[in-house]
N, C-alpha and C. Protein backbone atom coordinates (compact mmCIF):
# COMPACT_ATOMS: atom_id res chain seq x y z
N MET A 1 -33.17 24.59 43.39
CA MET A 1 -31.95 25.60 42.75
C MET A 1 -30.71 24.49 42.16
N LEU A 2 -30.70 23.59 42.94
CA LEU A 2 -29.43 22.80 43.11
C LEU A 2 -30.01 21.73 41.93
N VAL A 3 -31.08 21.16 41.71
CA VAL A 3 -31.89 20.29 40.95
C VAL A 3 -31.97 21.12 39.66
N GLU A 4 -32.29 22.49 39.70
CA GLU A 4 -32.10 22.85 38.29
C GLU A 4 -30.74 22.83 37.40
N MET A 5 -29.84 23.36 38.63
CA MET A 5 -28.41 23.33 37.81
C MET A 5 -28.05 22.05 37.26
N LEU A 6 -28.35 20.78 38.34
CA LEU A 6 -27.89 19.53 37.78
C LEU A 6 -28.64 19.38 36.65
N ALA A 7 -29.77 19.52 36.38
CA ALA A 7 -30.70 19.31 35.31
C ALA A 7 -30.29 20.02 33.90
N SER A 8 -29.90 21.31 34.47
CA SER A 8 -28.93 22.21 33.24
C SER A 8 -27.46 21.66 32.35
N PHE A 9 -26.76 21.31 33.36
CA PHE A 9 -25.69 20.53 33.07
C PHE A 9 -25.77 19.20 32.52
N SER A 10 -26.87 18.45 32.71
CA SER A 10 -26.73 16.96 32.32
C SER A 10 -27.24 17.23 30.75
N LEU A 11 -28.27 18.41 30.80
CA LEU A 11 -28.54 18.80 29.35
C LEU A 11 -27.71 19.17 28.23
N LEU A 12 -26.64 20.23 29.16
CA LEU A 12 -25.91 20.56 28.34
C LEU A 12 -24.78 19.75 28.27
N CYS A 13 -24.33 18.49 29.03
CA CYS A 13 -23.41 17.22 28.46
C CYS A 13 -24.23 16.46 27.29
N MET A 14 -25.27 16.18 27.58
CA MET A 14 -25.75 15.48 26.32
C MET A 14 -25.73 15.99 24.99
N LEU A 15 -26.12 17.38 24.66
CA LEU A 15 -25.90 18.04 23.87
C LEU A 15 -24.63 17.87 23.19
N THR A 16 -23.89 18.18 23.66
CA THR A 16 -22.12 18.24 23.50
C THR A 16 -22.12 17.10 22.96
N ALA A 17 -22.44 15.62 23.84
CA ALA A 17 -22.06 14.54 23.13
C ALA A 17 -22.74 14.35 22.05
N LEU A 18 -23.88 14.59 21.71
CA LEU A 18 -24.68 14.56 20.69
C LEU A 18 -23.97 15.69 19.31
N LEU A 19 -23.61 16.57 19.50
CA LEU A 19 -23.60 17.66 18.31
C LEU A 19 -21.86 17.49 18.28
N LEU A 20 -21.09 17.41 19.34
CA LEU A 20 -19.42 17.47 18.93
C LEU A 20 -18.98 16.68 17.87
N PRO A 21 -19.14 15.31 18.10
CA PRO A 21 -19.03 14.22 17.05
C PRO A 21 -19.50 14.76 15.61
N GLN A 22 -20.58 15.34 15.34
CA GLN A 22 -21.15 15.64 14.20
C GLN A 22 -20.40 17.17 13.67
N ALA A 23 -20.10 17.63 14.45
CA ALA A 23 -19.31 18.80 14.14
C ALA A 23 -17.88 18.61 13.62
N VAL A 24 -17.11 17.69 14.45
CA VAL A 24 -15.63 17.31 13.89
C VAL A 24 -16.15 16.60 12.80
N HIS A 25 -17.12 15.90 12.44
CA HIS A 25 -17.04 15.17 11.08
C HIS A 25 -17.37 15.84 10.14
N LEU A 26 -18.18 16.85 10.24
CA LEU A 26 -18.38 17.89 9.26
C LEU A 26 -17.13 18.89 8.83
N LEU A 27 -16.45 19.40 9.61
CA LEU A 27 -15.03 19.67 9.41
C LEU A 27 -13.85 18.95 8.79
N SER A 28 -13.91 17.37 9.49
CA SER A 28 -13.27 16.77 8.44
C SER A 28 -13.95 16.36 6.95
N GLU A 29 -14.93 16.40 6.90
CA GLU A 29 -15.17 16.12 5.38
C GLU A 29 -15.24 17.33 4.70
N ARG A 30 -15.44 18.70 5.07
CA ARG A 30 -14.93 19.94 4.42
C ARG A 30 -13.49 19.93 3.97
N LYS A 31 -12.69 19.45 5.13
CA LYS A 31 -11.30 19.43 4.31
C LYS A 31 -10.98 18.37 3.28
N HIS A 32 -11.25 17.45 3.46
CA HIS A 32 -11.56 16.32 2.41
C HIS A 32 -12.02 17.12 1.17
N MET A 33 -13.04 17.80 1.06
CA MET A 33 -12.98 18.33 -0.25
C MET A 33 -12.61 19.46 -0.77
N ARG A 34 -12.03 20.13 0.12
CA ARG A 34 -11.15 21.02 -0.23
C ARG A 34 -9.71 20.50 -0.67
N GLN A 35 -9.06 19.10 -0.28
CA GLN A 35 -8.38 18.71 -0.58
C GLN A 35 -8.66 17.93 -2.23
N SER A 36 -9.80 17.41 -2.38
CA SER A 36 -10.32 17.03 -3.77
C SER A 36 -9.94 18.19 -4.75
N TYR A 37 -10.93 19.30 -4.09
CA TYR A 37 -10.72 20.29 -5.10
C TYR A 37 -9.27 20.92 -5.74
N GLU A 38 -8.66 20.95 -4.53
CA GLU A 38 -6.85 21.33 -4.86
C GLU A 38 -6.35 20.34 -5.82
N ALA A 39 -6.48 18.99 -5.69
CA ALA A 39 -6.04 18.08 -6.81
C ALA A 39 -6.73 18.43 -7.76
N ALA A 40 -7.85 18.51 -8.08
CA ALA A 40 -8.59 18.96 -9.60
C ALA A 40 -7.79 20.13 -10.33
N LEU A 41 -7.81 21.00 -9.15
CA LEU A 41 -7.08 22.43 -9.80
C LEU A 41 -5.57 22.00 -10.41
N LEU A 42 -4.96 21.16 -9.61
CA LEU A 42 -3.29 20.83 -9.60
C LEU A 42 -3.55 20.18 -11.30
N LEU A 43 -4.48 19.17 -11.37
CA LEU A 43 -4.53 18.56 -12.54
C LEU A 43 -4.63 19.09 -13.79
N LYS A 44 -5.28 20.19 -13.61
CA LYS A 44 -5.94 21.18 -14.78
C LYS A 44 -4.77 21.94 -14.78
N GLU A 45 -4.02 22.48 -14.17
CA GLU A 45 -2.74 23.10 -13.93
C GLU A 45 -1.91 22.56 -15.17
N THR A 46 -1.77 20.90 -14.41
CA THR A 46 -0.60 20.09 -15.13
C THR A 46 -0.78 19.83 -16.55
N ALA A 47 -1.85 20.00 -16.59
CA ALA A 47 -2.39 19.13 -18.18
C ALA A 47 -2.26 20.52 -19.07
N ALA A 48 -2.79 21.50 -18.55
CA ALA A 48 -2.26 22.93 -19.21
C ALA A 48 -0.68 22.91 -19.85
N GLN A 49 -0.02 22.84 -18.41
CA GLN A 49 1.55 22.86 -18.64
C GLN A 49 1.76 21.72 -19.50
N TYR A 50 1.33 20.63 -19.52
CA TYR A 50 1.96 19.56 -20.36
C TYR A 50 1.64 19.72 -21.78
N ARG A 51 0.26 20.46 -21.91
CA ARG A 51 -0.14 20.83 -23.63
C ARG A 51 1.03 21.69 -24.03
N GLU A 52 1.33 22.53 -23.35
CA GLU A 52 1.93 23.77 -24.08
C GLU A 52 3.71 23.19 -23.94
N GLU A 53 4.10 22.78 -23.00
CA GLU A 53 5.53 22.03 -22.86
C GLU A 53 5.85 20.73 -23.46
N GLY A 54 4.91 19.94 -23.53
CA GLY A 54 5.04 18.53 -23.97
C GLY A 54 4.98 17.99 -22.80
N MET A 55 4.41 16.45 -22.79
CA MET A 55 4.70 15.49 -21.89
C MET A 55 5.84 14.93 -21.74
N THR A 56 6.06 14.77 -20.19
CA THR A 56 7.34 14.11 -19.63
C THR A 56 6.58 13.16 -18.81
N ALA A 57 7.26 11.84 -18.69
CA ALA A 57 6.71 10.72 -17.93
C ALA A 57 7.25 10.98 -16.73
N GLY A 58 7.03 10.92 -16.04
CA GLY A 58 7.64 10.77 -14.12
C GLY A 58 6.61 11.15 -13.07
N ARG A 59 7.32 11.48 -11.98
CA ARG A 59 6.78 11.77 -10.72
C ARG A 59 7.35 13.06 -10.31
N GLN A 60 6.71 13.86 -9.87
CA GLN A 60 7.00 14.86 -8.70
C GLN A 60 6.22 15.31 -7.76
N ALA A 61 6.47 16.10 -6.88
CA ALA A 61 5.85 16.60 -5.56
C ALA A 61 5.49 17.91 -5.31
N VAL A 62 4.31 17.88 -5.10
CA VAL A 62 3.71 19.54 -4.95
C VAL A 62 2.90 19.67 -3.59
N GLU A 63 3.32 20.86 -2.92
CA GLU A 63 2.77 20.82 -1.63
C GLU A 63 1.71 22.03 -1.75
N ARG A 64 0.56 21.81 -1.32
CA ARG A 64 -0.25 22.96 -1.32
C ARG A 64 -1.10 22.75 -0.06
N GLY A 65 -1.38 23.86 0.72
CA GLY A 65 -2.35 24.17 1.74
C GLY A 65 -1.70 22.76 2.83
N GLY A 66 -0.59 22.55 2.79
CA GLY A 66 -0.18 21.92 3.81
C GLY A 66 0.02 20.23 3.55
N VAL A 67 -0.29 19.84 2.33
CA VAL A 67 -0.80 18.64 1.97
C VAL A 67 0.33 18.33 0.65
N VAL A 68 1.07 17.38 0.77
CA VAL A 68 1.90 17.13 -0.53
C VAL A 68 1.03 16.43 -1.62
N TYR A 69 1.26 16.58 -2.68
CA TYR A 69 0.18 15.90 -3.69
C TYR A 69 1.64 15.40 -4.77
N GLU A 70 1.45 14.27 -5.12
CA GLU A 70 2.78 13.69 -5.72
C GLU A 70 1.77 13.53 -7.30
N ILE A 71 2.75 14.07 -8.20
CA ILE A 71 1.89 14.18 -9.81
C ILE A 71 2.32 13.04 -10.38
N GLN A 72 1.97 12.23 -11.04
CA GLN A 72 2.46 10.95 -11.87
C GLN A 72 2.00 10.89 -12.98
N SER A 73 2.62 10.96 -13.95
CA SER A 73 2.49 11.14 -15.42
C SER A 73 2.84 9.98 -16.22
N THR A 74 2.07 9.23 -16.82
CA THR A 74 2.26 7.90 -17.54
C THR A 74 1.94 8.10 -19.24
N ARG A 75 2.73 7.61 -20.14
CA ARG A 75 2.02 7.37 -21.23
C ARG A 75 1.35 6.10 -21.59
N VAL A 76 0.45 6.21 -22.04
CA VAL A 76 -0.63 5.37 -22.44
C VAL A 76 -0.14 4.63 -23.70
N ASP A 77 -0.17 5.78 -24.78
CA ASP A 77 0.06 5.08 -25.93
C ASP A 77 0.55 6.48 -26.80
N GLU A 78 1.13 6.25 -28.15
CA GLU A 78 1.39 7.24 -28.86
C GLU A 78 0.46 8.87 -28.47
N LYS A 79 -0.73 8.59 -28.30
CA LYS A 79 -1.71 9.28 -28.53
C LYS A 79 -2.42 9.88 -27.14
N ARG A 80 -2.10 9.07 -26.30
CA ARG A 80 -2.92 9.18 -25.00
C ARG A 80 -1.89 9.17 -23.81
N SER A 81 -1.97 10.00 -22.71
CA SER A 81 -1.28 10.02 -21.65
C SER A 81 -2.28 10.07 -20.38
N MET A 82 -1.86 9.85 -19.11
CA MET A 82 -2.64 9.99 -17.91
C MET A 82 -1.82 10.76 -16.91
N VAL A 83 -2.50 11.65 -16.47
CA VAL A 83 -1.65 12.17 -15.41
C VAL A 83 -2.43 12.27 -14.15
N CYS A 84 -1.89 11.70 -12.90
CA CYS A 84 -2.79 11.57 -11.35
C CYS A 84 -1.93 12.51 -10.55
N ALA A 85 -3.04 12.60 -9.92
CA ALA A 85 -2.73 13.73 -8.33
C ALA A 85 -2.96 12.18 -7.16
N ILE A 86 -1.86 12.13 -6.23
CA ILE A 86 -2.25 10.94 -5.45
C ILE A 86 -1.55 11.79 -3.93
N TRP A 87 -2.32 11.77 -2.95
CA TRP A 87 -2.07 12.31 -1.60
C TRP A 87 -2.78 11.67 -0.55
N THR A 88 -2.39 12.02 0.71
CA THR A 88 -2.80 10.88 1.89
C THR A 88 -3.95 12.19 2.33
N SER A 89 -5.37 11.62 2.50
CA SER A 89 -6.55 12.20 2.82
C SER A 89 -6.54 12.56 4.15
N VAL A 90 -7.37 13.00 4.66
CA VAL A 90 -7.55 13.53 6.19
C VAL A 90 -8.07 12.24 6.81
N ARG A 91 -8.45 11.50 6.00
CA ARG A 91 -8.85 9.92 6.69
C ARG A 91 -7.55 8.94 6.29
N ASN A 92 -6.44 9.35 6.35
CA ASN A 92 -5.65 8.62 6.07
C ASN A 92 -5.32 7.25 5.41
N ARG A 93 -6.18 7.97 3.95
CA ARG A 93 -6.07 7.14 2.82
C ARG A 93 -5.24 7.56 1.85
N GLU A 94 -5.00 6.60 0.89
CA GLU A 94 -4.10 7.19 0.07
C GLU A 94 -5.36 7.63 -1.19
N GLU A 95 -5.48 8.73 -1.59
CA GLU A 95 -6.76 9.17 -2.49
C GLU A 95 -5.70 9.42 -4.00
N ARG A 96 -6.69 9.32 -4.87
CA ARG A 96 -6.17 9.32 -6.46
C ARG A 96 -7.01 10.05 -7.36
N ARG A 97 -6.31 10.79 -7.99
CA ARG A 97 -7.47 11.59 -8.87
C ARG A 97 -6.84 11.58 -10.28
N CYS A 98 -7.47 11.05 -11.31
CA CYS A 98 -6.63 11.27 -12.57
C CYS A 98 -7.12 11.86 -13.82
N GLN A 99 -6.66 12.34 -14.75
CA GLN A 99 -7.09 12.80 -15.83
C GLN A 99 -6.18 12.61 -17.19
N ALA A 100 -7.07 11.87 -18.46
CA ALA A 100 -6.75 11.69 -19.32
C ALA A 100 -6.22 12.88 -20.52
N LEU A 101 -5.31 12.89 -20.99
CA LEU A 101 -4.78 13.76 -21.85
C LEU A 101 -4.59 12.64 -23.25
N ARG A 102 -4.84 14.02 -24.37
CA ARG A 102 -4.75 13.44 -25.89
C ARG A 102 -3.65 14.47 -26.40
N HIS A 103 -2.90 13.91 -27.05
CA HIS A 103 -2.12 14.45 -27.91
C HIS A 103 -2.29 15.23 -29.45
């Protein structure tokens, strides 16, 4: 009886040791994908706003879902502009997603 309990407990420990890191990695990856998707939506909204109201170069901060995205807009030349969303990801790296705009 004691041997069976020890065997079961050691099997449970091994499974937890193998599966828990994978589960944490999957959750982290899902959050990273959600942040990238949110940045894409934010760029799409910002691009539409700039097309309607006109382009203004500069930076602004927008918070969505607990993440602060910095929107950076720059004019490349008289016909093109670039809008970028910059944020710190789950991996503690600075991520950047950009979209080119034509006037």
